[in-house]
Amino acid sequence: ENEPDELTTYESIGAEAELDSLIYDGSTYGTTTLAGSAEEQDYLGLPGLLDAEQMRTLLKQRQADQVEARAREAEERKRRETEERRSGGAAGGMSGAEAHRRRVASEELPALRKELNALVNMTAARTGRPQGAIHNEARRNCGGPPTALCTAEQLRDRIAYLRDW
């Protein structure tokens, strides 16, 4: 039948992963984070160290801390952009900050989409509503095209809407 010499070989061409969320005792916790990051390491621990209620409390607190940290980052980014617009508008033409923002849009938009999807996921888990319904409600209230076609500002508006929900 199959000879060892005739078996096809396995060749890894690379892989990348991210921790989307943690499911514990039927509930989803956390926000999207890259593999190997400090945030991911916070979730890796020794099993059996805490009882079920302590684990639930810890995960809820960790998730709240993540959402709060991201909200602070978004506010800081918005404040910086407002300052850059004020200083750049007075100088006329496209400022260096504006040119830099255009160059990194390919990095910023996917990150904002991931953040929006993580918030939709958490809201769906909390409310029991389908994720699509939550996306549609955010779009209806904030305006704009489907998420895949949104600008960074439109994505930030939807993220802010879901945080306030």
N, C-alpha and C. Protein backbone atom coordinates (compact mmCIF):
# COMPACT_ATOMS: atom_id res chain seq x y z
N GLU A 1 0.82 -1.17 0.00
CA GLU A 1 0.00 0.00 0.00
C GLU A 1 0.87 1.25 0.00
N ASN A 2 0.94 1.99 1.10
CA ASN A 2 1.75 3.20 1.15
C ASN A 2 3.11 2.87 1.72
N GLU A 3 4.10 3.21 0.99
CA GLU A 3 5.47 3.05 1.45
C GLU A 3 5.91 4.36 2.09
N PRO A 4 6.73 4.29 3.14
CA PRO A 4 7.18 5.52 3.79
C PRO A 4 7.84 6.50 2.82
N ASP A 5 8.53 5.98 1.81
CA ASP A 5 9.21 6.87 0.86
C ASP A 5 8.21 7.60 -0.04
N GLU A 6 7.00 7.07 -0.16
CA GLU A 6 6.02 7.64 -1.06
C GLU A 6 5.12 8.67 -0.39
N LEU A 7 5.22 8.83 0.92
CA LEU A 7 4.37 9.78 1.63
C LEU A 7 4.76 11.21 1.26
N THR A 8 3.74 12.04 1.13
CA THR A 8 4.04 13.44 0.85
C THR A 8 4.62 14.09 2.11
N THR A 9 5.45 15.05 1.92
CA THR A 9 6.07 15.71 3.07
C THR A 9 5.27 16.96 3.42
N TYR A 10 5.37 17.32 4.67
CA TYR A 10 4.69 18.50 5.19
C TYR A 10 5.66 19.66 5.16
N GLU A 11 5.22 20.78 4.64
CA GLU A 11 6.06 21.97 4.61
C GLU A 11 5.28 23.14 5.19
N SER A 12 5.77 23.70 6.27
CA SER A 12 5.12 24.85 6.89
C SER A 12 5.52 26.10 6.13
N ILE A 13 4.54 26.87 5.72
CA ILE A 13 4.84 28.10 4.99
C ILE A 13 4.65 29.34 5.86
N GLY A 14 4.36 29.11 7.14
CA GLY A 14 4.22 30.22 8.08
C GLY A 14 2.81 30.30 8.62
N ALA A 15 2.69 30.93 9.74
CA ALA A 15 1.39 31.08 10.37
C ALA A 15 1.41 32.29 11.29
N GLU A 16 0.25 32.86 11.47
CA GLU A 16 0.10 33.98 12.39
C GLU A 16 -1.24 33.79 13.09
N ALA A 17 -1.28 34.05 14.37
CA ALA A 17 -2.52 33.85 15.12
C ALA A 17 -2.72 35.00 16.09
N GLU A 18 -3.94 35.14 16.53
CA GLU A 18 -4.26 36.14 17.55
C GLU A 18 -5.29 35.55 18.49
N LEU A 19 -5.24 36.00 19.72
CA LEU A 19 -6.21 35.57 20.72
C LEU A 19 -7.42 36.48 20.58
N ASP A 20 -8.52 35.91 20.10
CA ASP A 20 -9.73 36.71 19.90
C ASP A 20 -10.45 36.92 21.21
N SER A 21 -10.63 35.84 21.94
CA SER A 21 -11.32 35.93 23.22
C SER A 21 -11.10 34.62 23.96
N LEU A 22 -11.52 34.62 25.20
CA LEU A 22 -11.39 33.43 26.03
C LEU A 22 -12.79 32.99 26.41
N ILE A 23 -13.08 31.71 26.22
CA ILE A 23 -14.38 31.18 26.60
C ILE A 23 -14.19 30.38 27.87
N TYR A 24 -14.93 30.78 28.90
CA TYR A 24 -14.84 30.10 30.18
C TYR A 24 -16.24 29.93 30.73
N ASP A 25 -16.59 28.73 31.03
CA ASP A 25 -17.87 28.42 31.66
C ASP A 25 -19.05 29.01 30.89
N GLY A 26 -18.96 28.94 29.55
CA GLY A 26 -20.06 29.39 28.70
C GLY A 26 -20.10 30.87 28.41
N SER A 27 -19.17 31.65 28.92
CA SER A 27 -19.13 33.09 28.65
C SER A 27 -17.84 33.45 27.93
N THR A 28 -17.91 34.50 27.12
CA THR A 28 -16.75 34.97 26.37
C THR A 28 -16.17 36.18 27.07
N TYR A 29 -14.84 36.20 27.22
CA TYR A 29 -14.15 37.30 27.90
C TYR A 29 -13.01 37.80 27.04
N GLY A 30 -12.69 39.08 27.20
CA GLY A 30 -11.50 39.65 26.58
C GLY A 30 -11.77 40.29 25.24
N THR A 31 -10.74 40.97 24.73
CA THR A 31 -10.78 41.60 23.42
C THR A 31 -9.64 41.04 22.60
N THR A 32 -9.68 41.27 21.31
CA THR A 32 -8.68 40.73 20.39
C THR A 32 -7.29 41.22 20.75
N THR A 33 -6.33 40.31 20.70
CA THR A 33 -4.94 40.66 20.98
C THR A 33 -4.03 39.75 20.15
N LEU A 34 -2.83 40.20 19.87
CA LEU A 34 -1.90 39.42 19.07
C LEU A 34 -1.25 38.32 19.89
N ALA A 35 -0.92 37.22 19.20
CA ALA A 35 -0.27 36.10 19.87
C ALA A 35 1.10 36.54 20.39
N GLY A 36 1.42 36.12 21.59
CA GLY A 36 2.71 36.43 22.18
C GLY A 36 2.76 37.78 22.89
N SER A 37 1.69 38.54 22.82
CA SER A 37 1.68 39.86 23.46
C SER A 37 1.53 39.72 24.97
N ALA A 38 1.79 40.80 25.67
CA ALA A 38 1.64 40.79 27.13
C ALA A 38 0.20 40.55 27.53
N GLU A 39 -0.75 41.08 26.74
CA GLU A 39 -2.17 40.85 27.05
C GLU A 39 -2.51 39.37 27.00
N GLU A 40 -1.99 38.68 25.98
CA GLU A 40 -2.26 37.25 25.87
C GLU A 40 -1.66 36.50 27.04
N GLN A 41 -0.47 36.89 27.45
CA GLN A 41 0.20 36.21 28.55
C GLN A 41 -0.61 36.32 29.85
N ASP A 42 -1.38 37.40 29.99
CA ASP A 42 -2.22 37.55 31.18
C ASP A 42 -3.26 36.45 31.29
N TYR A 43 -3.67 35.89 30.15
CA TYR A 43 -4.68 34.84 30.18
C TYR A 43 -4.10 33.46 30.43
N LEU A 44 -2.81 33.32 30.22
CA LEU A 44 -2.19 32.02 30.40
C LEU A 44 -1.76 31.88 31.85
N GLY A 45 -2.29 30.91 32.53
CA GLY A 45 -1.97 30.74 33.94
C GLY A 45 -2.03 29.28 34.33
N LEU A 46 -1.90 29.02 35.59
CA LEU A 46 -1.94 27.65 36.09
C LEU A 46 -3.39 27.24 36.34
N PRO A 47 -3.85 26.16 35.69
CA PRO A 47 -5.22 25.73 35.92
C PRO A 47 -5.41 25.26 37.36
N GLY A 48 -6.59 25.50 37.90
CA GLY A 48 -6.91 25.03 39.25
C GLY A 48 -6.47 25.96 40.35
N LEU A 49 -5.85 27.08 40.02
CA LEU A 49 -5.38 28.01 41.03
C LEU A 49 -6.54 28.77 41.68
N LEU A 50 -7.58 29.06 40.89
CA LEU A 50 -8.74 29.79 41.40
C LEU A 50 -9.99 28.92 41.24
N ASP A 51 -10.98 29.18 42.09
CA ASP A 51 -12.24 28.45 41.89
C ASP A 51 -13.03 29.15 40.78
N ALA A 52 -14.16 28.57 40.38
CA ALA A 52 -14.91 29.06 39.23
C ALA A 52 -15.38 30.51 39.40
N GLU A 53 -15.87 30.86 40.56
CA GLU A 53 -16.36 32.22 40.79
C GLU A 53 -15.22 33.23 40.77
N GLN A 54 -14.08 32.88 41.36
CA GLN A 54 -12.92 33.77 41.35
C GLN A 54 -12.43 33.96 39.91
N MET A 55 -12.45 32.88 39.12
CA MET A 55 -12.01 32.96 37.73
C MET A 55 -12.94 33.88 36.93
N ARG A 56 -14.25 33.75 37.10
CA ARG A 56 -15.21 34.61 36.41
C ARG A 56 -14.98 36.07 36.78
N THR A 57 -14.80 36.34 38.06
CA THR A 57 -14.56 37.71 38.53
C THR A 57 -13.28 38.27 37.92
N LEU A 58 -12.23 37.48 37.93
CA LEU A 58 -10.95 37.91 37.37
C LEU A 58 -11.08 38.21 35.87
N LEU A 59 -11.74 37.34 35.13
CA LEU A 59 -11.89 37.54 33.69
C LEU A 59 -12.75 38.76 33.38
N LYS A 60 -13.81 38.98 34.13
CA LYS A 60 -14.64 40.17 33.92
C LYS A 60 -13.84 41.44 34.19
N GLN A 61 -13.04 41.44 35.25
CA GLN A 61 -12.23 42.61 35.58
C GLN A 61 -11.18 42.86 34.50
N ARG A 62 -10.56 41.79 34.03
CA ARG A 62 -9.54 41.91 32.98
C ARG A 62 -10.16 42.49 31.71
N GLN A 63 -11.35 42.02 31.36
CA GLN A 63 -12.02 42.53 30.16
C GLN A 63 -12.37 44.00 30.33
N ALA A 64 -12.87 44.39 31.49
CA ALA A 64 -13.20 45.79 31.75
C ALA A 64 -11.94 46.66 31.65
N ASP A 65 -10.82 46.17 32.17
CA ASP A 65 -9.56 46.91 32.08
C ASP A 65 -9.13 47.09 30.63
N GLN A 66 -9.29 46.03 29.81
CA GLN A 66 -8.92 46.11 28.40
C GLN A 66 -9.76 47.15 27.68
N VAL A 67 -11.06 47.11 27.88
CA VAL A 67 -11.95 48.05 27.21
C VAL A 67 -11.64 49.48 27.65
N GLU A 68 -11.39 49.67 28.94
CA GLU A 68 -11.06 51.00 29.45
C GLU A 68 -9.74 51.51 28.86
N ALA A 69 -8.74 50.63 28.77
CA ALA A 69 -7.45 51.03 28.20
C ALA A 69 -7.60 51.42 26.73
N ARG A 70 -8.39 50.66 26.00
CA ARG A 70 -8.60 50.98 24.58
C ARG A 70 -9.37 52.30 24.44
N ALA A 71 -10.30 52.54 25.34
CA ALA A 71 -11.05 53.81 25.30
C ALA A 71 -10.11 54.98 25.56
N ARG A 72 -9.21 54.82 26.53
CA ARG A 72 -8.24 55.88 26.82
C ARG A 72 -7.34 56.12 25.60
N GLU A 73 -6.88 55.04 24.96
CA GLU A 73 -6.04 55.17 23.77
C GLU A 73 -6.79 55.90 22.66
N ALA A 74 -8.05 55.56 22.46
CA ALA A 74 -8.85 56.20 21.42
C ALA A 74 -9.03 57.69 21.72
N GLU A 75 -9.30 58.03 22.97
CA GLU A 75 -9.45 59.43 23.35
C GLU A 75 -8.14 60.20 23.13
N GLU A 76 -7.03 59.59 23.51
CA GLU A 76 -5.73 60.23 23.32
C GLU A 76 -5.44 60.43 21.84
N ARG A 77 -5.74 59.42 21.03
CA ARG A 77 -5.53 59.51 19.59
C ARG A 77 -6.40 60.62 19.01
N LYS A 78 -7.66 60.69 19.43
CA LYS A 78 -8.58 61.72 18.94
C LYS A 78 -8.08 63.11 19.34
N ARG A 79 -7.58 63.24 20.57
CA ARG A 79 -7.05 64.52 21.04
C ARG A 79 -5.85 64.95 20.20
N ARG A 80 -4.93 63.99 19.94
CA ARG A 80 -3.75 64.29 19.12
C ARG A 80 -4.15 64.71 17.71
N GLU A 81 -5.12 64.00 17.13
CA GLU A 81 -5.57 64.33 15.78
C GLU A 81 -6.19 65.71 15.72
N THR A 82 -6.95 66.06 16.75
CA THR A 82 -7.56 67.39 16.80
C THR A 82 -6.47 68.46 16.86
N GLU A 83 -5.46 68.24 17.69
CA GLU A 83 -4.35 69.19 17.79
C GLU A 83 -3.59 69.28 16.47
N GLU A 84 -3.38 68.13 15.81
CA GLU A 84 -2.66 68.13 14.54
C GLU A 84 -3.45 68.88 13.47
N ARG A 85 -4.77 68.70 13.46
CA ARG A 85 -5.61 69.40 12.49
C ARG A 85 -5.53 70.91 12.71
N ARG A 86 -5.55 71.31 13.98
CA ARG A 86 -5.48 72.75 14.28
C ARG A 86 -4.14 73.32 13.83
N SER A 87 -3.06 72.65 14.17
CA SER A 87 -1.74 73.17 13.80
C SER A 87 -1.48 72.98 12.31
N GLY A 88 -1.95 71.90 11.73
CA GLY A 88 -1.74 71.65 10.30
C GLY A 88 -2.59 72.55 9.44
N GLY A 89 -3.81 72.87 9.90
CA GLY A 89 -4.71 73.73 9.13
C GLY A 89 -4.16 75.14 9.00
N ALA A 90 -3.49 75.62 10.02
CA ALA A 90 -2.94 76.97 9.99
C ALA A 90 -1.77 77.06 9.03
N ALA A 91 -1.01 75.96 8.88
CA ALA A 91 0.17 75.97 8.02
C ALA A 91 -0.21 75.87 6.56
N GLY A 92 -1.40 75.34 6.24
CA GLY A 92 -1.83 75.19 4.85
C GLY A 92 -1.19 73.95 4.25
N GLY A 93 -1.88 73.36 3.28
CA GLY A 93 -1.36 72.16 2.64
C GLY A 93 -1.45 70.96 3.56
N MET A 94 -0.83 69.86 3.14
CA MET A 94 -0.88 68.64 3.94
C MET A 94 0.31 68.61 4.89
N SER A 95 0.02 68.49 6.16
CA SER A 95 1.08 68.45 7.16
C SER A 95 1.78 67.11 7.12
N GLY A 96 2.92 67.03 7.78
CA GLY A 96 3.64 65.76 7.88
C GLY A 96 2.82 64.72 8.60
N ALA A 97 2.06 65.15 9.61
CA ALA A 97 1.22 64.22 10.35
C ALA A 97 0.12 63.65 9.46
N GLU A 98 -0.46 64.52 8.60
CA GLU A 98 -1.51 64.05 7.68
C GLU A 98 -0.93 63.05 6.68
N ALA A 99 0.25 63.35 6.16
CA ALA A 99 0.89 62.42 5.22
C ALA A 99 1.18 61.09 5.90
N HIS A 100 1.65 61.16 7.14
CA HIS A 100 1.93 59.93 7.89
C HIS A 100 0.65 59.14 8.12
N ARG A 101 -0.44 59.84 8.46
CA ARG A 101 -1.72 59.18 8.70
C ARG A 101 -2.18 58.45 7.44
N ARG A 102 -2.00 59.06 6.28
CA ARG A 102 -2.39 58.40 5.03
C ARG A 102 -1.55 57.17 4.77
N ARG A 103 -0.26 57.23 5.11
CA ARG A 103 0.62 56.07 4.88
C ARG A 103 0.24 54.90 5.78
N VAL A 104 -0.21 55.17 6.99
CA VAL A 104 -0.48 54.08 7.92
C VAL A 104 -1.95 53.66 7.94
N ALA A 105 -2.74 54.18 7.02
CA ALA A 105 -4.16 53.79 6.97
C ALA A 105 -4.30 52.29 6.76
N SER A 106 -3.36 51.71 6.01
CA SER A 106 -3.44 50.26 5.78
C SER A 106 -3.21 49.47 7.06
N GLU A 107 -2.58 50.08 8.04
CA GLU A 107 -2.39 49.43 9.34
C GLU A 107 -3.51 49.81 10.31
N GLU A 108 -3.97 51.05 10.22
CA GLU A 108 -4.97 51.56 11.17
C GLU A 108 -6.35 50.96 10.92
N LEU A 109 -6.79 50.89 9.67
CA LEU A 109 -8.13 50.40 9.38
C LEU A 109 -8.35 48.97 9.85
N PRO A 110 -7.43 48.03 9.56
CA PRO A 110 -7.65 46.67 10.08
C PRO A 110 -7.69 46.62 11.61
N ALA A 111 -6.87 47.42 12.26
CA ALA A 111 -6.86 47.44 13.73
C ALA A 111 -8.20 47.97 14.26
N LEU A 112 -8.73 49.01 13.63
CA LEU A 112 -10.02 49.55 14.05
C LEU A 112 -11.15 48.56 13.79
N ARG A 113 -11.08 47.86 12.65
CA ARG A 113 -12.11 46.84 12.36
C ARG A 113 -12.07 45.73 13.39
N LYS A 114 -10.87 45.31 13.77
CA LYS A 114 -10.75 44.27 14.80
C LYS A 114 -11.33 44.74 16.13
N GLU A 115 -11.03 45.98 16.48
CA GLU A 115 -11.56 46.52 17.73
C GLU A 115 -13.08 46.59 17.69
N LEU A 116 -13.63 47.05 16.56
CA LEU A 116 -15.09 47.11 16.41
C LEU A 116 -15.69 45.71 16.52
N ASN A 117 -15.09 44.74 15.83
CA ASN A 117 -15.61 43.37 15.88
C ASN A 117 -15.54 42.79 17.29
N ALA A 118 -14.48 43.12 18.02
CA ALA A 118 -14.36 42.63 19.40
C ALA A 118 -15.47 43.22 20.27
N LEU A 119 -15.74 44.52 20.10
CA LEU A 119 -16.82 45.15 20.87
C LEU A 119 -18.18 44.58 20.49
N VAL A 120 -18.39 44.32 19.20
CA VAL A 120 -19.65 43.70 18.76
C VAL A 120 -19.78 42.32 19.38
N ASN A 121 -18.69 41.57 19.39
CA ASN A 121 -18.69 40.22 19.98
C ASN A 121 -19.05 40.29 21.47
N MET A 122 -18.44 41.20 22.19
CA MET A 122 -18.72 41.33 23.63
C MET A 122 -20.17 41.78 23.86
N THR A 123 -20.64 42.70 23.03
CA THR A 123 -22.02 43.18 23.18
C THR A 123 -23.01 42.06 22.88
N ALA A 124 -22.71 41.26 21.86
CA ALA A 124 -23.58 40.13 21.52
C ALA A 124 -23.61 39.13 22.66
N ALA A 125 -22.46 38.87 23.26
CA ALA A 125 -22.40 37.92 24.38
C ALA A 125 -23.17 38.45 25.58
N ARG A 126 -23.07 39.75 25.80
CA ARG A 126 -23.73 40.37 26.95
C ARG A 126 -25.25 40.46 26.77
N THR A 127 -25.70 40.76 25.53
CA THR A 127 -27.12 41.00 25.30
C THR A 127 -27.86 39.80 24.74
N GLY A 128 -27.12 38.84 24.17
CA GLY A 128 -27.76 37.69 23.55
C GLY A 128 -28.27 37.98 22.15
N ARG A 129 -27.99 39.17 21.63
CA ARG A 129 -28.42 39.53 20.27
C ARG A 129 -27.39 39.05 19.26
N PRO A 130 -27.81 38.77 18.02
CA PRO A 130 -26.85 38.36 16.98
C PRO A 130 -25.88 39.50 16.65
N GLN A 131 -24.66 39.12 16.28
CA GLN A 131 -23.65 40.13 15.96
C GLN A 131 -24.07 41.00 14.79
N GLY A 132 -24.71 40.39 13.79
CA GLY A 132 -25.16 41.15 12.63
C GLY A 132 -26.14 42.25 13.00
N ALA A 133 -27.03 41.96 13.94
CA ALA A 133 -28.00 42.96 14.39
C ALA A 133 -27.30 44.12 15.08
N ILE A 134 -26.25 43.82 15.83
CA ILE A 134 -25.50 44.87 16.53
C ILE A 134 -24.73 45.73 15.53
N HIS A 135 -24.10 45.08 14.52
CA HIS A 135 -23.41 45.84 13.46
C HIS A 135 -24.41 46.76 12.75
N ASN A 136 -25.59 46.22 12.42
CA ASN A 136 -26.60 47.01 11.71
C ASN A 136 -27.08 48.19 12.54
N GLU A 137 -27.27 47.97 13.83
CA GLU A 137 -27.72 49.07 14.69
C GLU A 137 -26.66 50.16 14.79
N ALA A 138 -25.39 49.76 14.93
CA ALA A 138 -24.31 50.75 14.98
C ALA A 138 -24.25 51.54 13.67
N ARG A 139 -24.43 50.84 12.55
CA ARG A 139 -24.41 51.52 11.25
C ARG A 139 -25.60 52.47 11.12
N ARG A 140 -26.77 52.02 11.54
CA ARG A 140 -27.98 52.84 11.46
C ARG A 140 -27.82 54.13 12.29
N ASN A 141 -27.25 54.00 13.49
CA ASN A 141 -27.12 55.16 14.38
C ASN A 141 -25.96 56.07 14.04
N CYS A 142 -24.90 55.50 13.47
CA CYS A 142 -23.71 56.31 13.17
C CYS A 142 -23.61 56.69 11.70
N GLY A 143 -24.37 56.00 10.84
CA GLY A 143 -24.31 56.28 9.41
C GLY A 143 -23.11 55.63 8.77
N GLY A 144 -23.01 55.83 7.46
CA GLY A 144 -21.87 55.31 6.73
C GLY A 144 -22.14 53.99 6.04
N PRO A 145 -21.14 53.52 5.30
CA PRO A 145 -21.26 52.29 4.52
C PRO A 145 -21.05 51.05 5.40
N PRO A 146 -21.09 49.86 4.80
CA PRO A 146 -20.74 48.66 5.56
C PRO A 146 -19.32 48.78 6.13
N THR A 147 -19.06 48.02 7.17
CA THR A 147 -17.78 48.13 7.89
C THR A 147 -16.57 48.03 6.96
N ALA A 148 -16.61 47.14 5.99
CA ALA A 148 -15.46 46.95 5.11
C ALA A 148 -15.13 48.20 4.30
N LEU A 149 -16.10 49.10 4.13
CA LEU A 149 -15.88 50.31 3.33
C LEU A 149 -15.74 51.57 4.17
N CYS A 150 -15.78 51.45 5.48
CA CYS A 150 -15.72 52.61 6.38
C CYS A 150 -14.35 53.26 6.40
N THR A 151 -14.38 54.56 6.65
CA THR A 151 -13.14 55.29 6.92
C THR A 151 -12.77 55.07 8.39
N ALA A 152 -11.58 55.48 8.75
CA ALA A 152 -11.14 55.34 10.14
C ALA A 152 -12.06 56.12 11.08
N GLU A 153 -12.47 57.30 10.67
CA GLU A 153 -13.35 58.12 11.52
C GLU A 153 -14.71 57.45 11.72
N GLN A 154 -15.25 56.85 10.66
CA GLN A 154 -16.54 56.16 10.78
C GLN A 154 -16.42 54.96 11.72
N LEU A 155 -15.30 54.24 11.62
CA LEU A 155 -15.08 53.10 12.52
C LEU A 155 -14.96 53.58 13.96
N ARG A 156 -14.24 54.68 14.18
CA ARG A 156 -14.11 55.22 15.54
C ARG A 156 -15.47 55.64 16.10
N ASP A 157 -16.32 56.21 15.25
CA ASP A 157 -17.66 56.60 15.70
C ASP A 157 -18.46 55.38 16.14
N ARG A 158 -18.38 54.30 15.38
CA ARG A 158 -19.11 53.08 15.74
C ARG A 158 -18.56 52.46 17.02
N ILE A 159 -17.24 52.50 17.17
CA ILE A 159 -16.61 51.97 18.38
C ILE A 159 -17.09 52.78 19.59
N ALA A 160 -17.10 54.10 19.46
CA ALA A 160 -17.56 54.96 20.56
C ALA A 160 -19.03 54.69 20.87
N TYR A 161 -19.84 54.49 19.84
CA TYR A 161 -21.27 54.20 20.05
C TYR A 161 -21.43 52.91 20.85
N LEU A 162 -20.68 51.86 20.49
CA LEU A 162 -20.80 50.59 21.20
C LEU A 162 -20.26 50.68 22.62
N ARG A 163 -19.24 51.49 22.84
CA ARG A 163 -18.72 51.65 24.21
C ARG A 163 -19.74 52.33 25.11
N ASP A 164 -20.50 53.25 24.54
CA ASP A 164 -21.51 53.97 25.32
C ASP A 164 -22.79 53.17 25.50
N TRP A 165 -22.95 52.09 24.77
CA TRP A 165 -24.18 51.30 24.78
C TRP A 165 -24.39 50.64 26.10
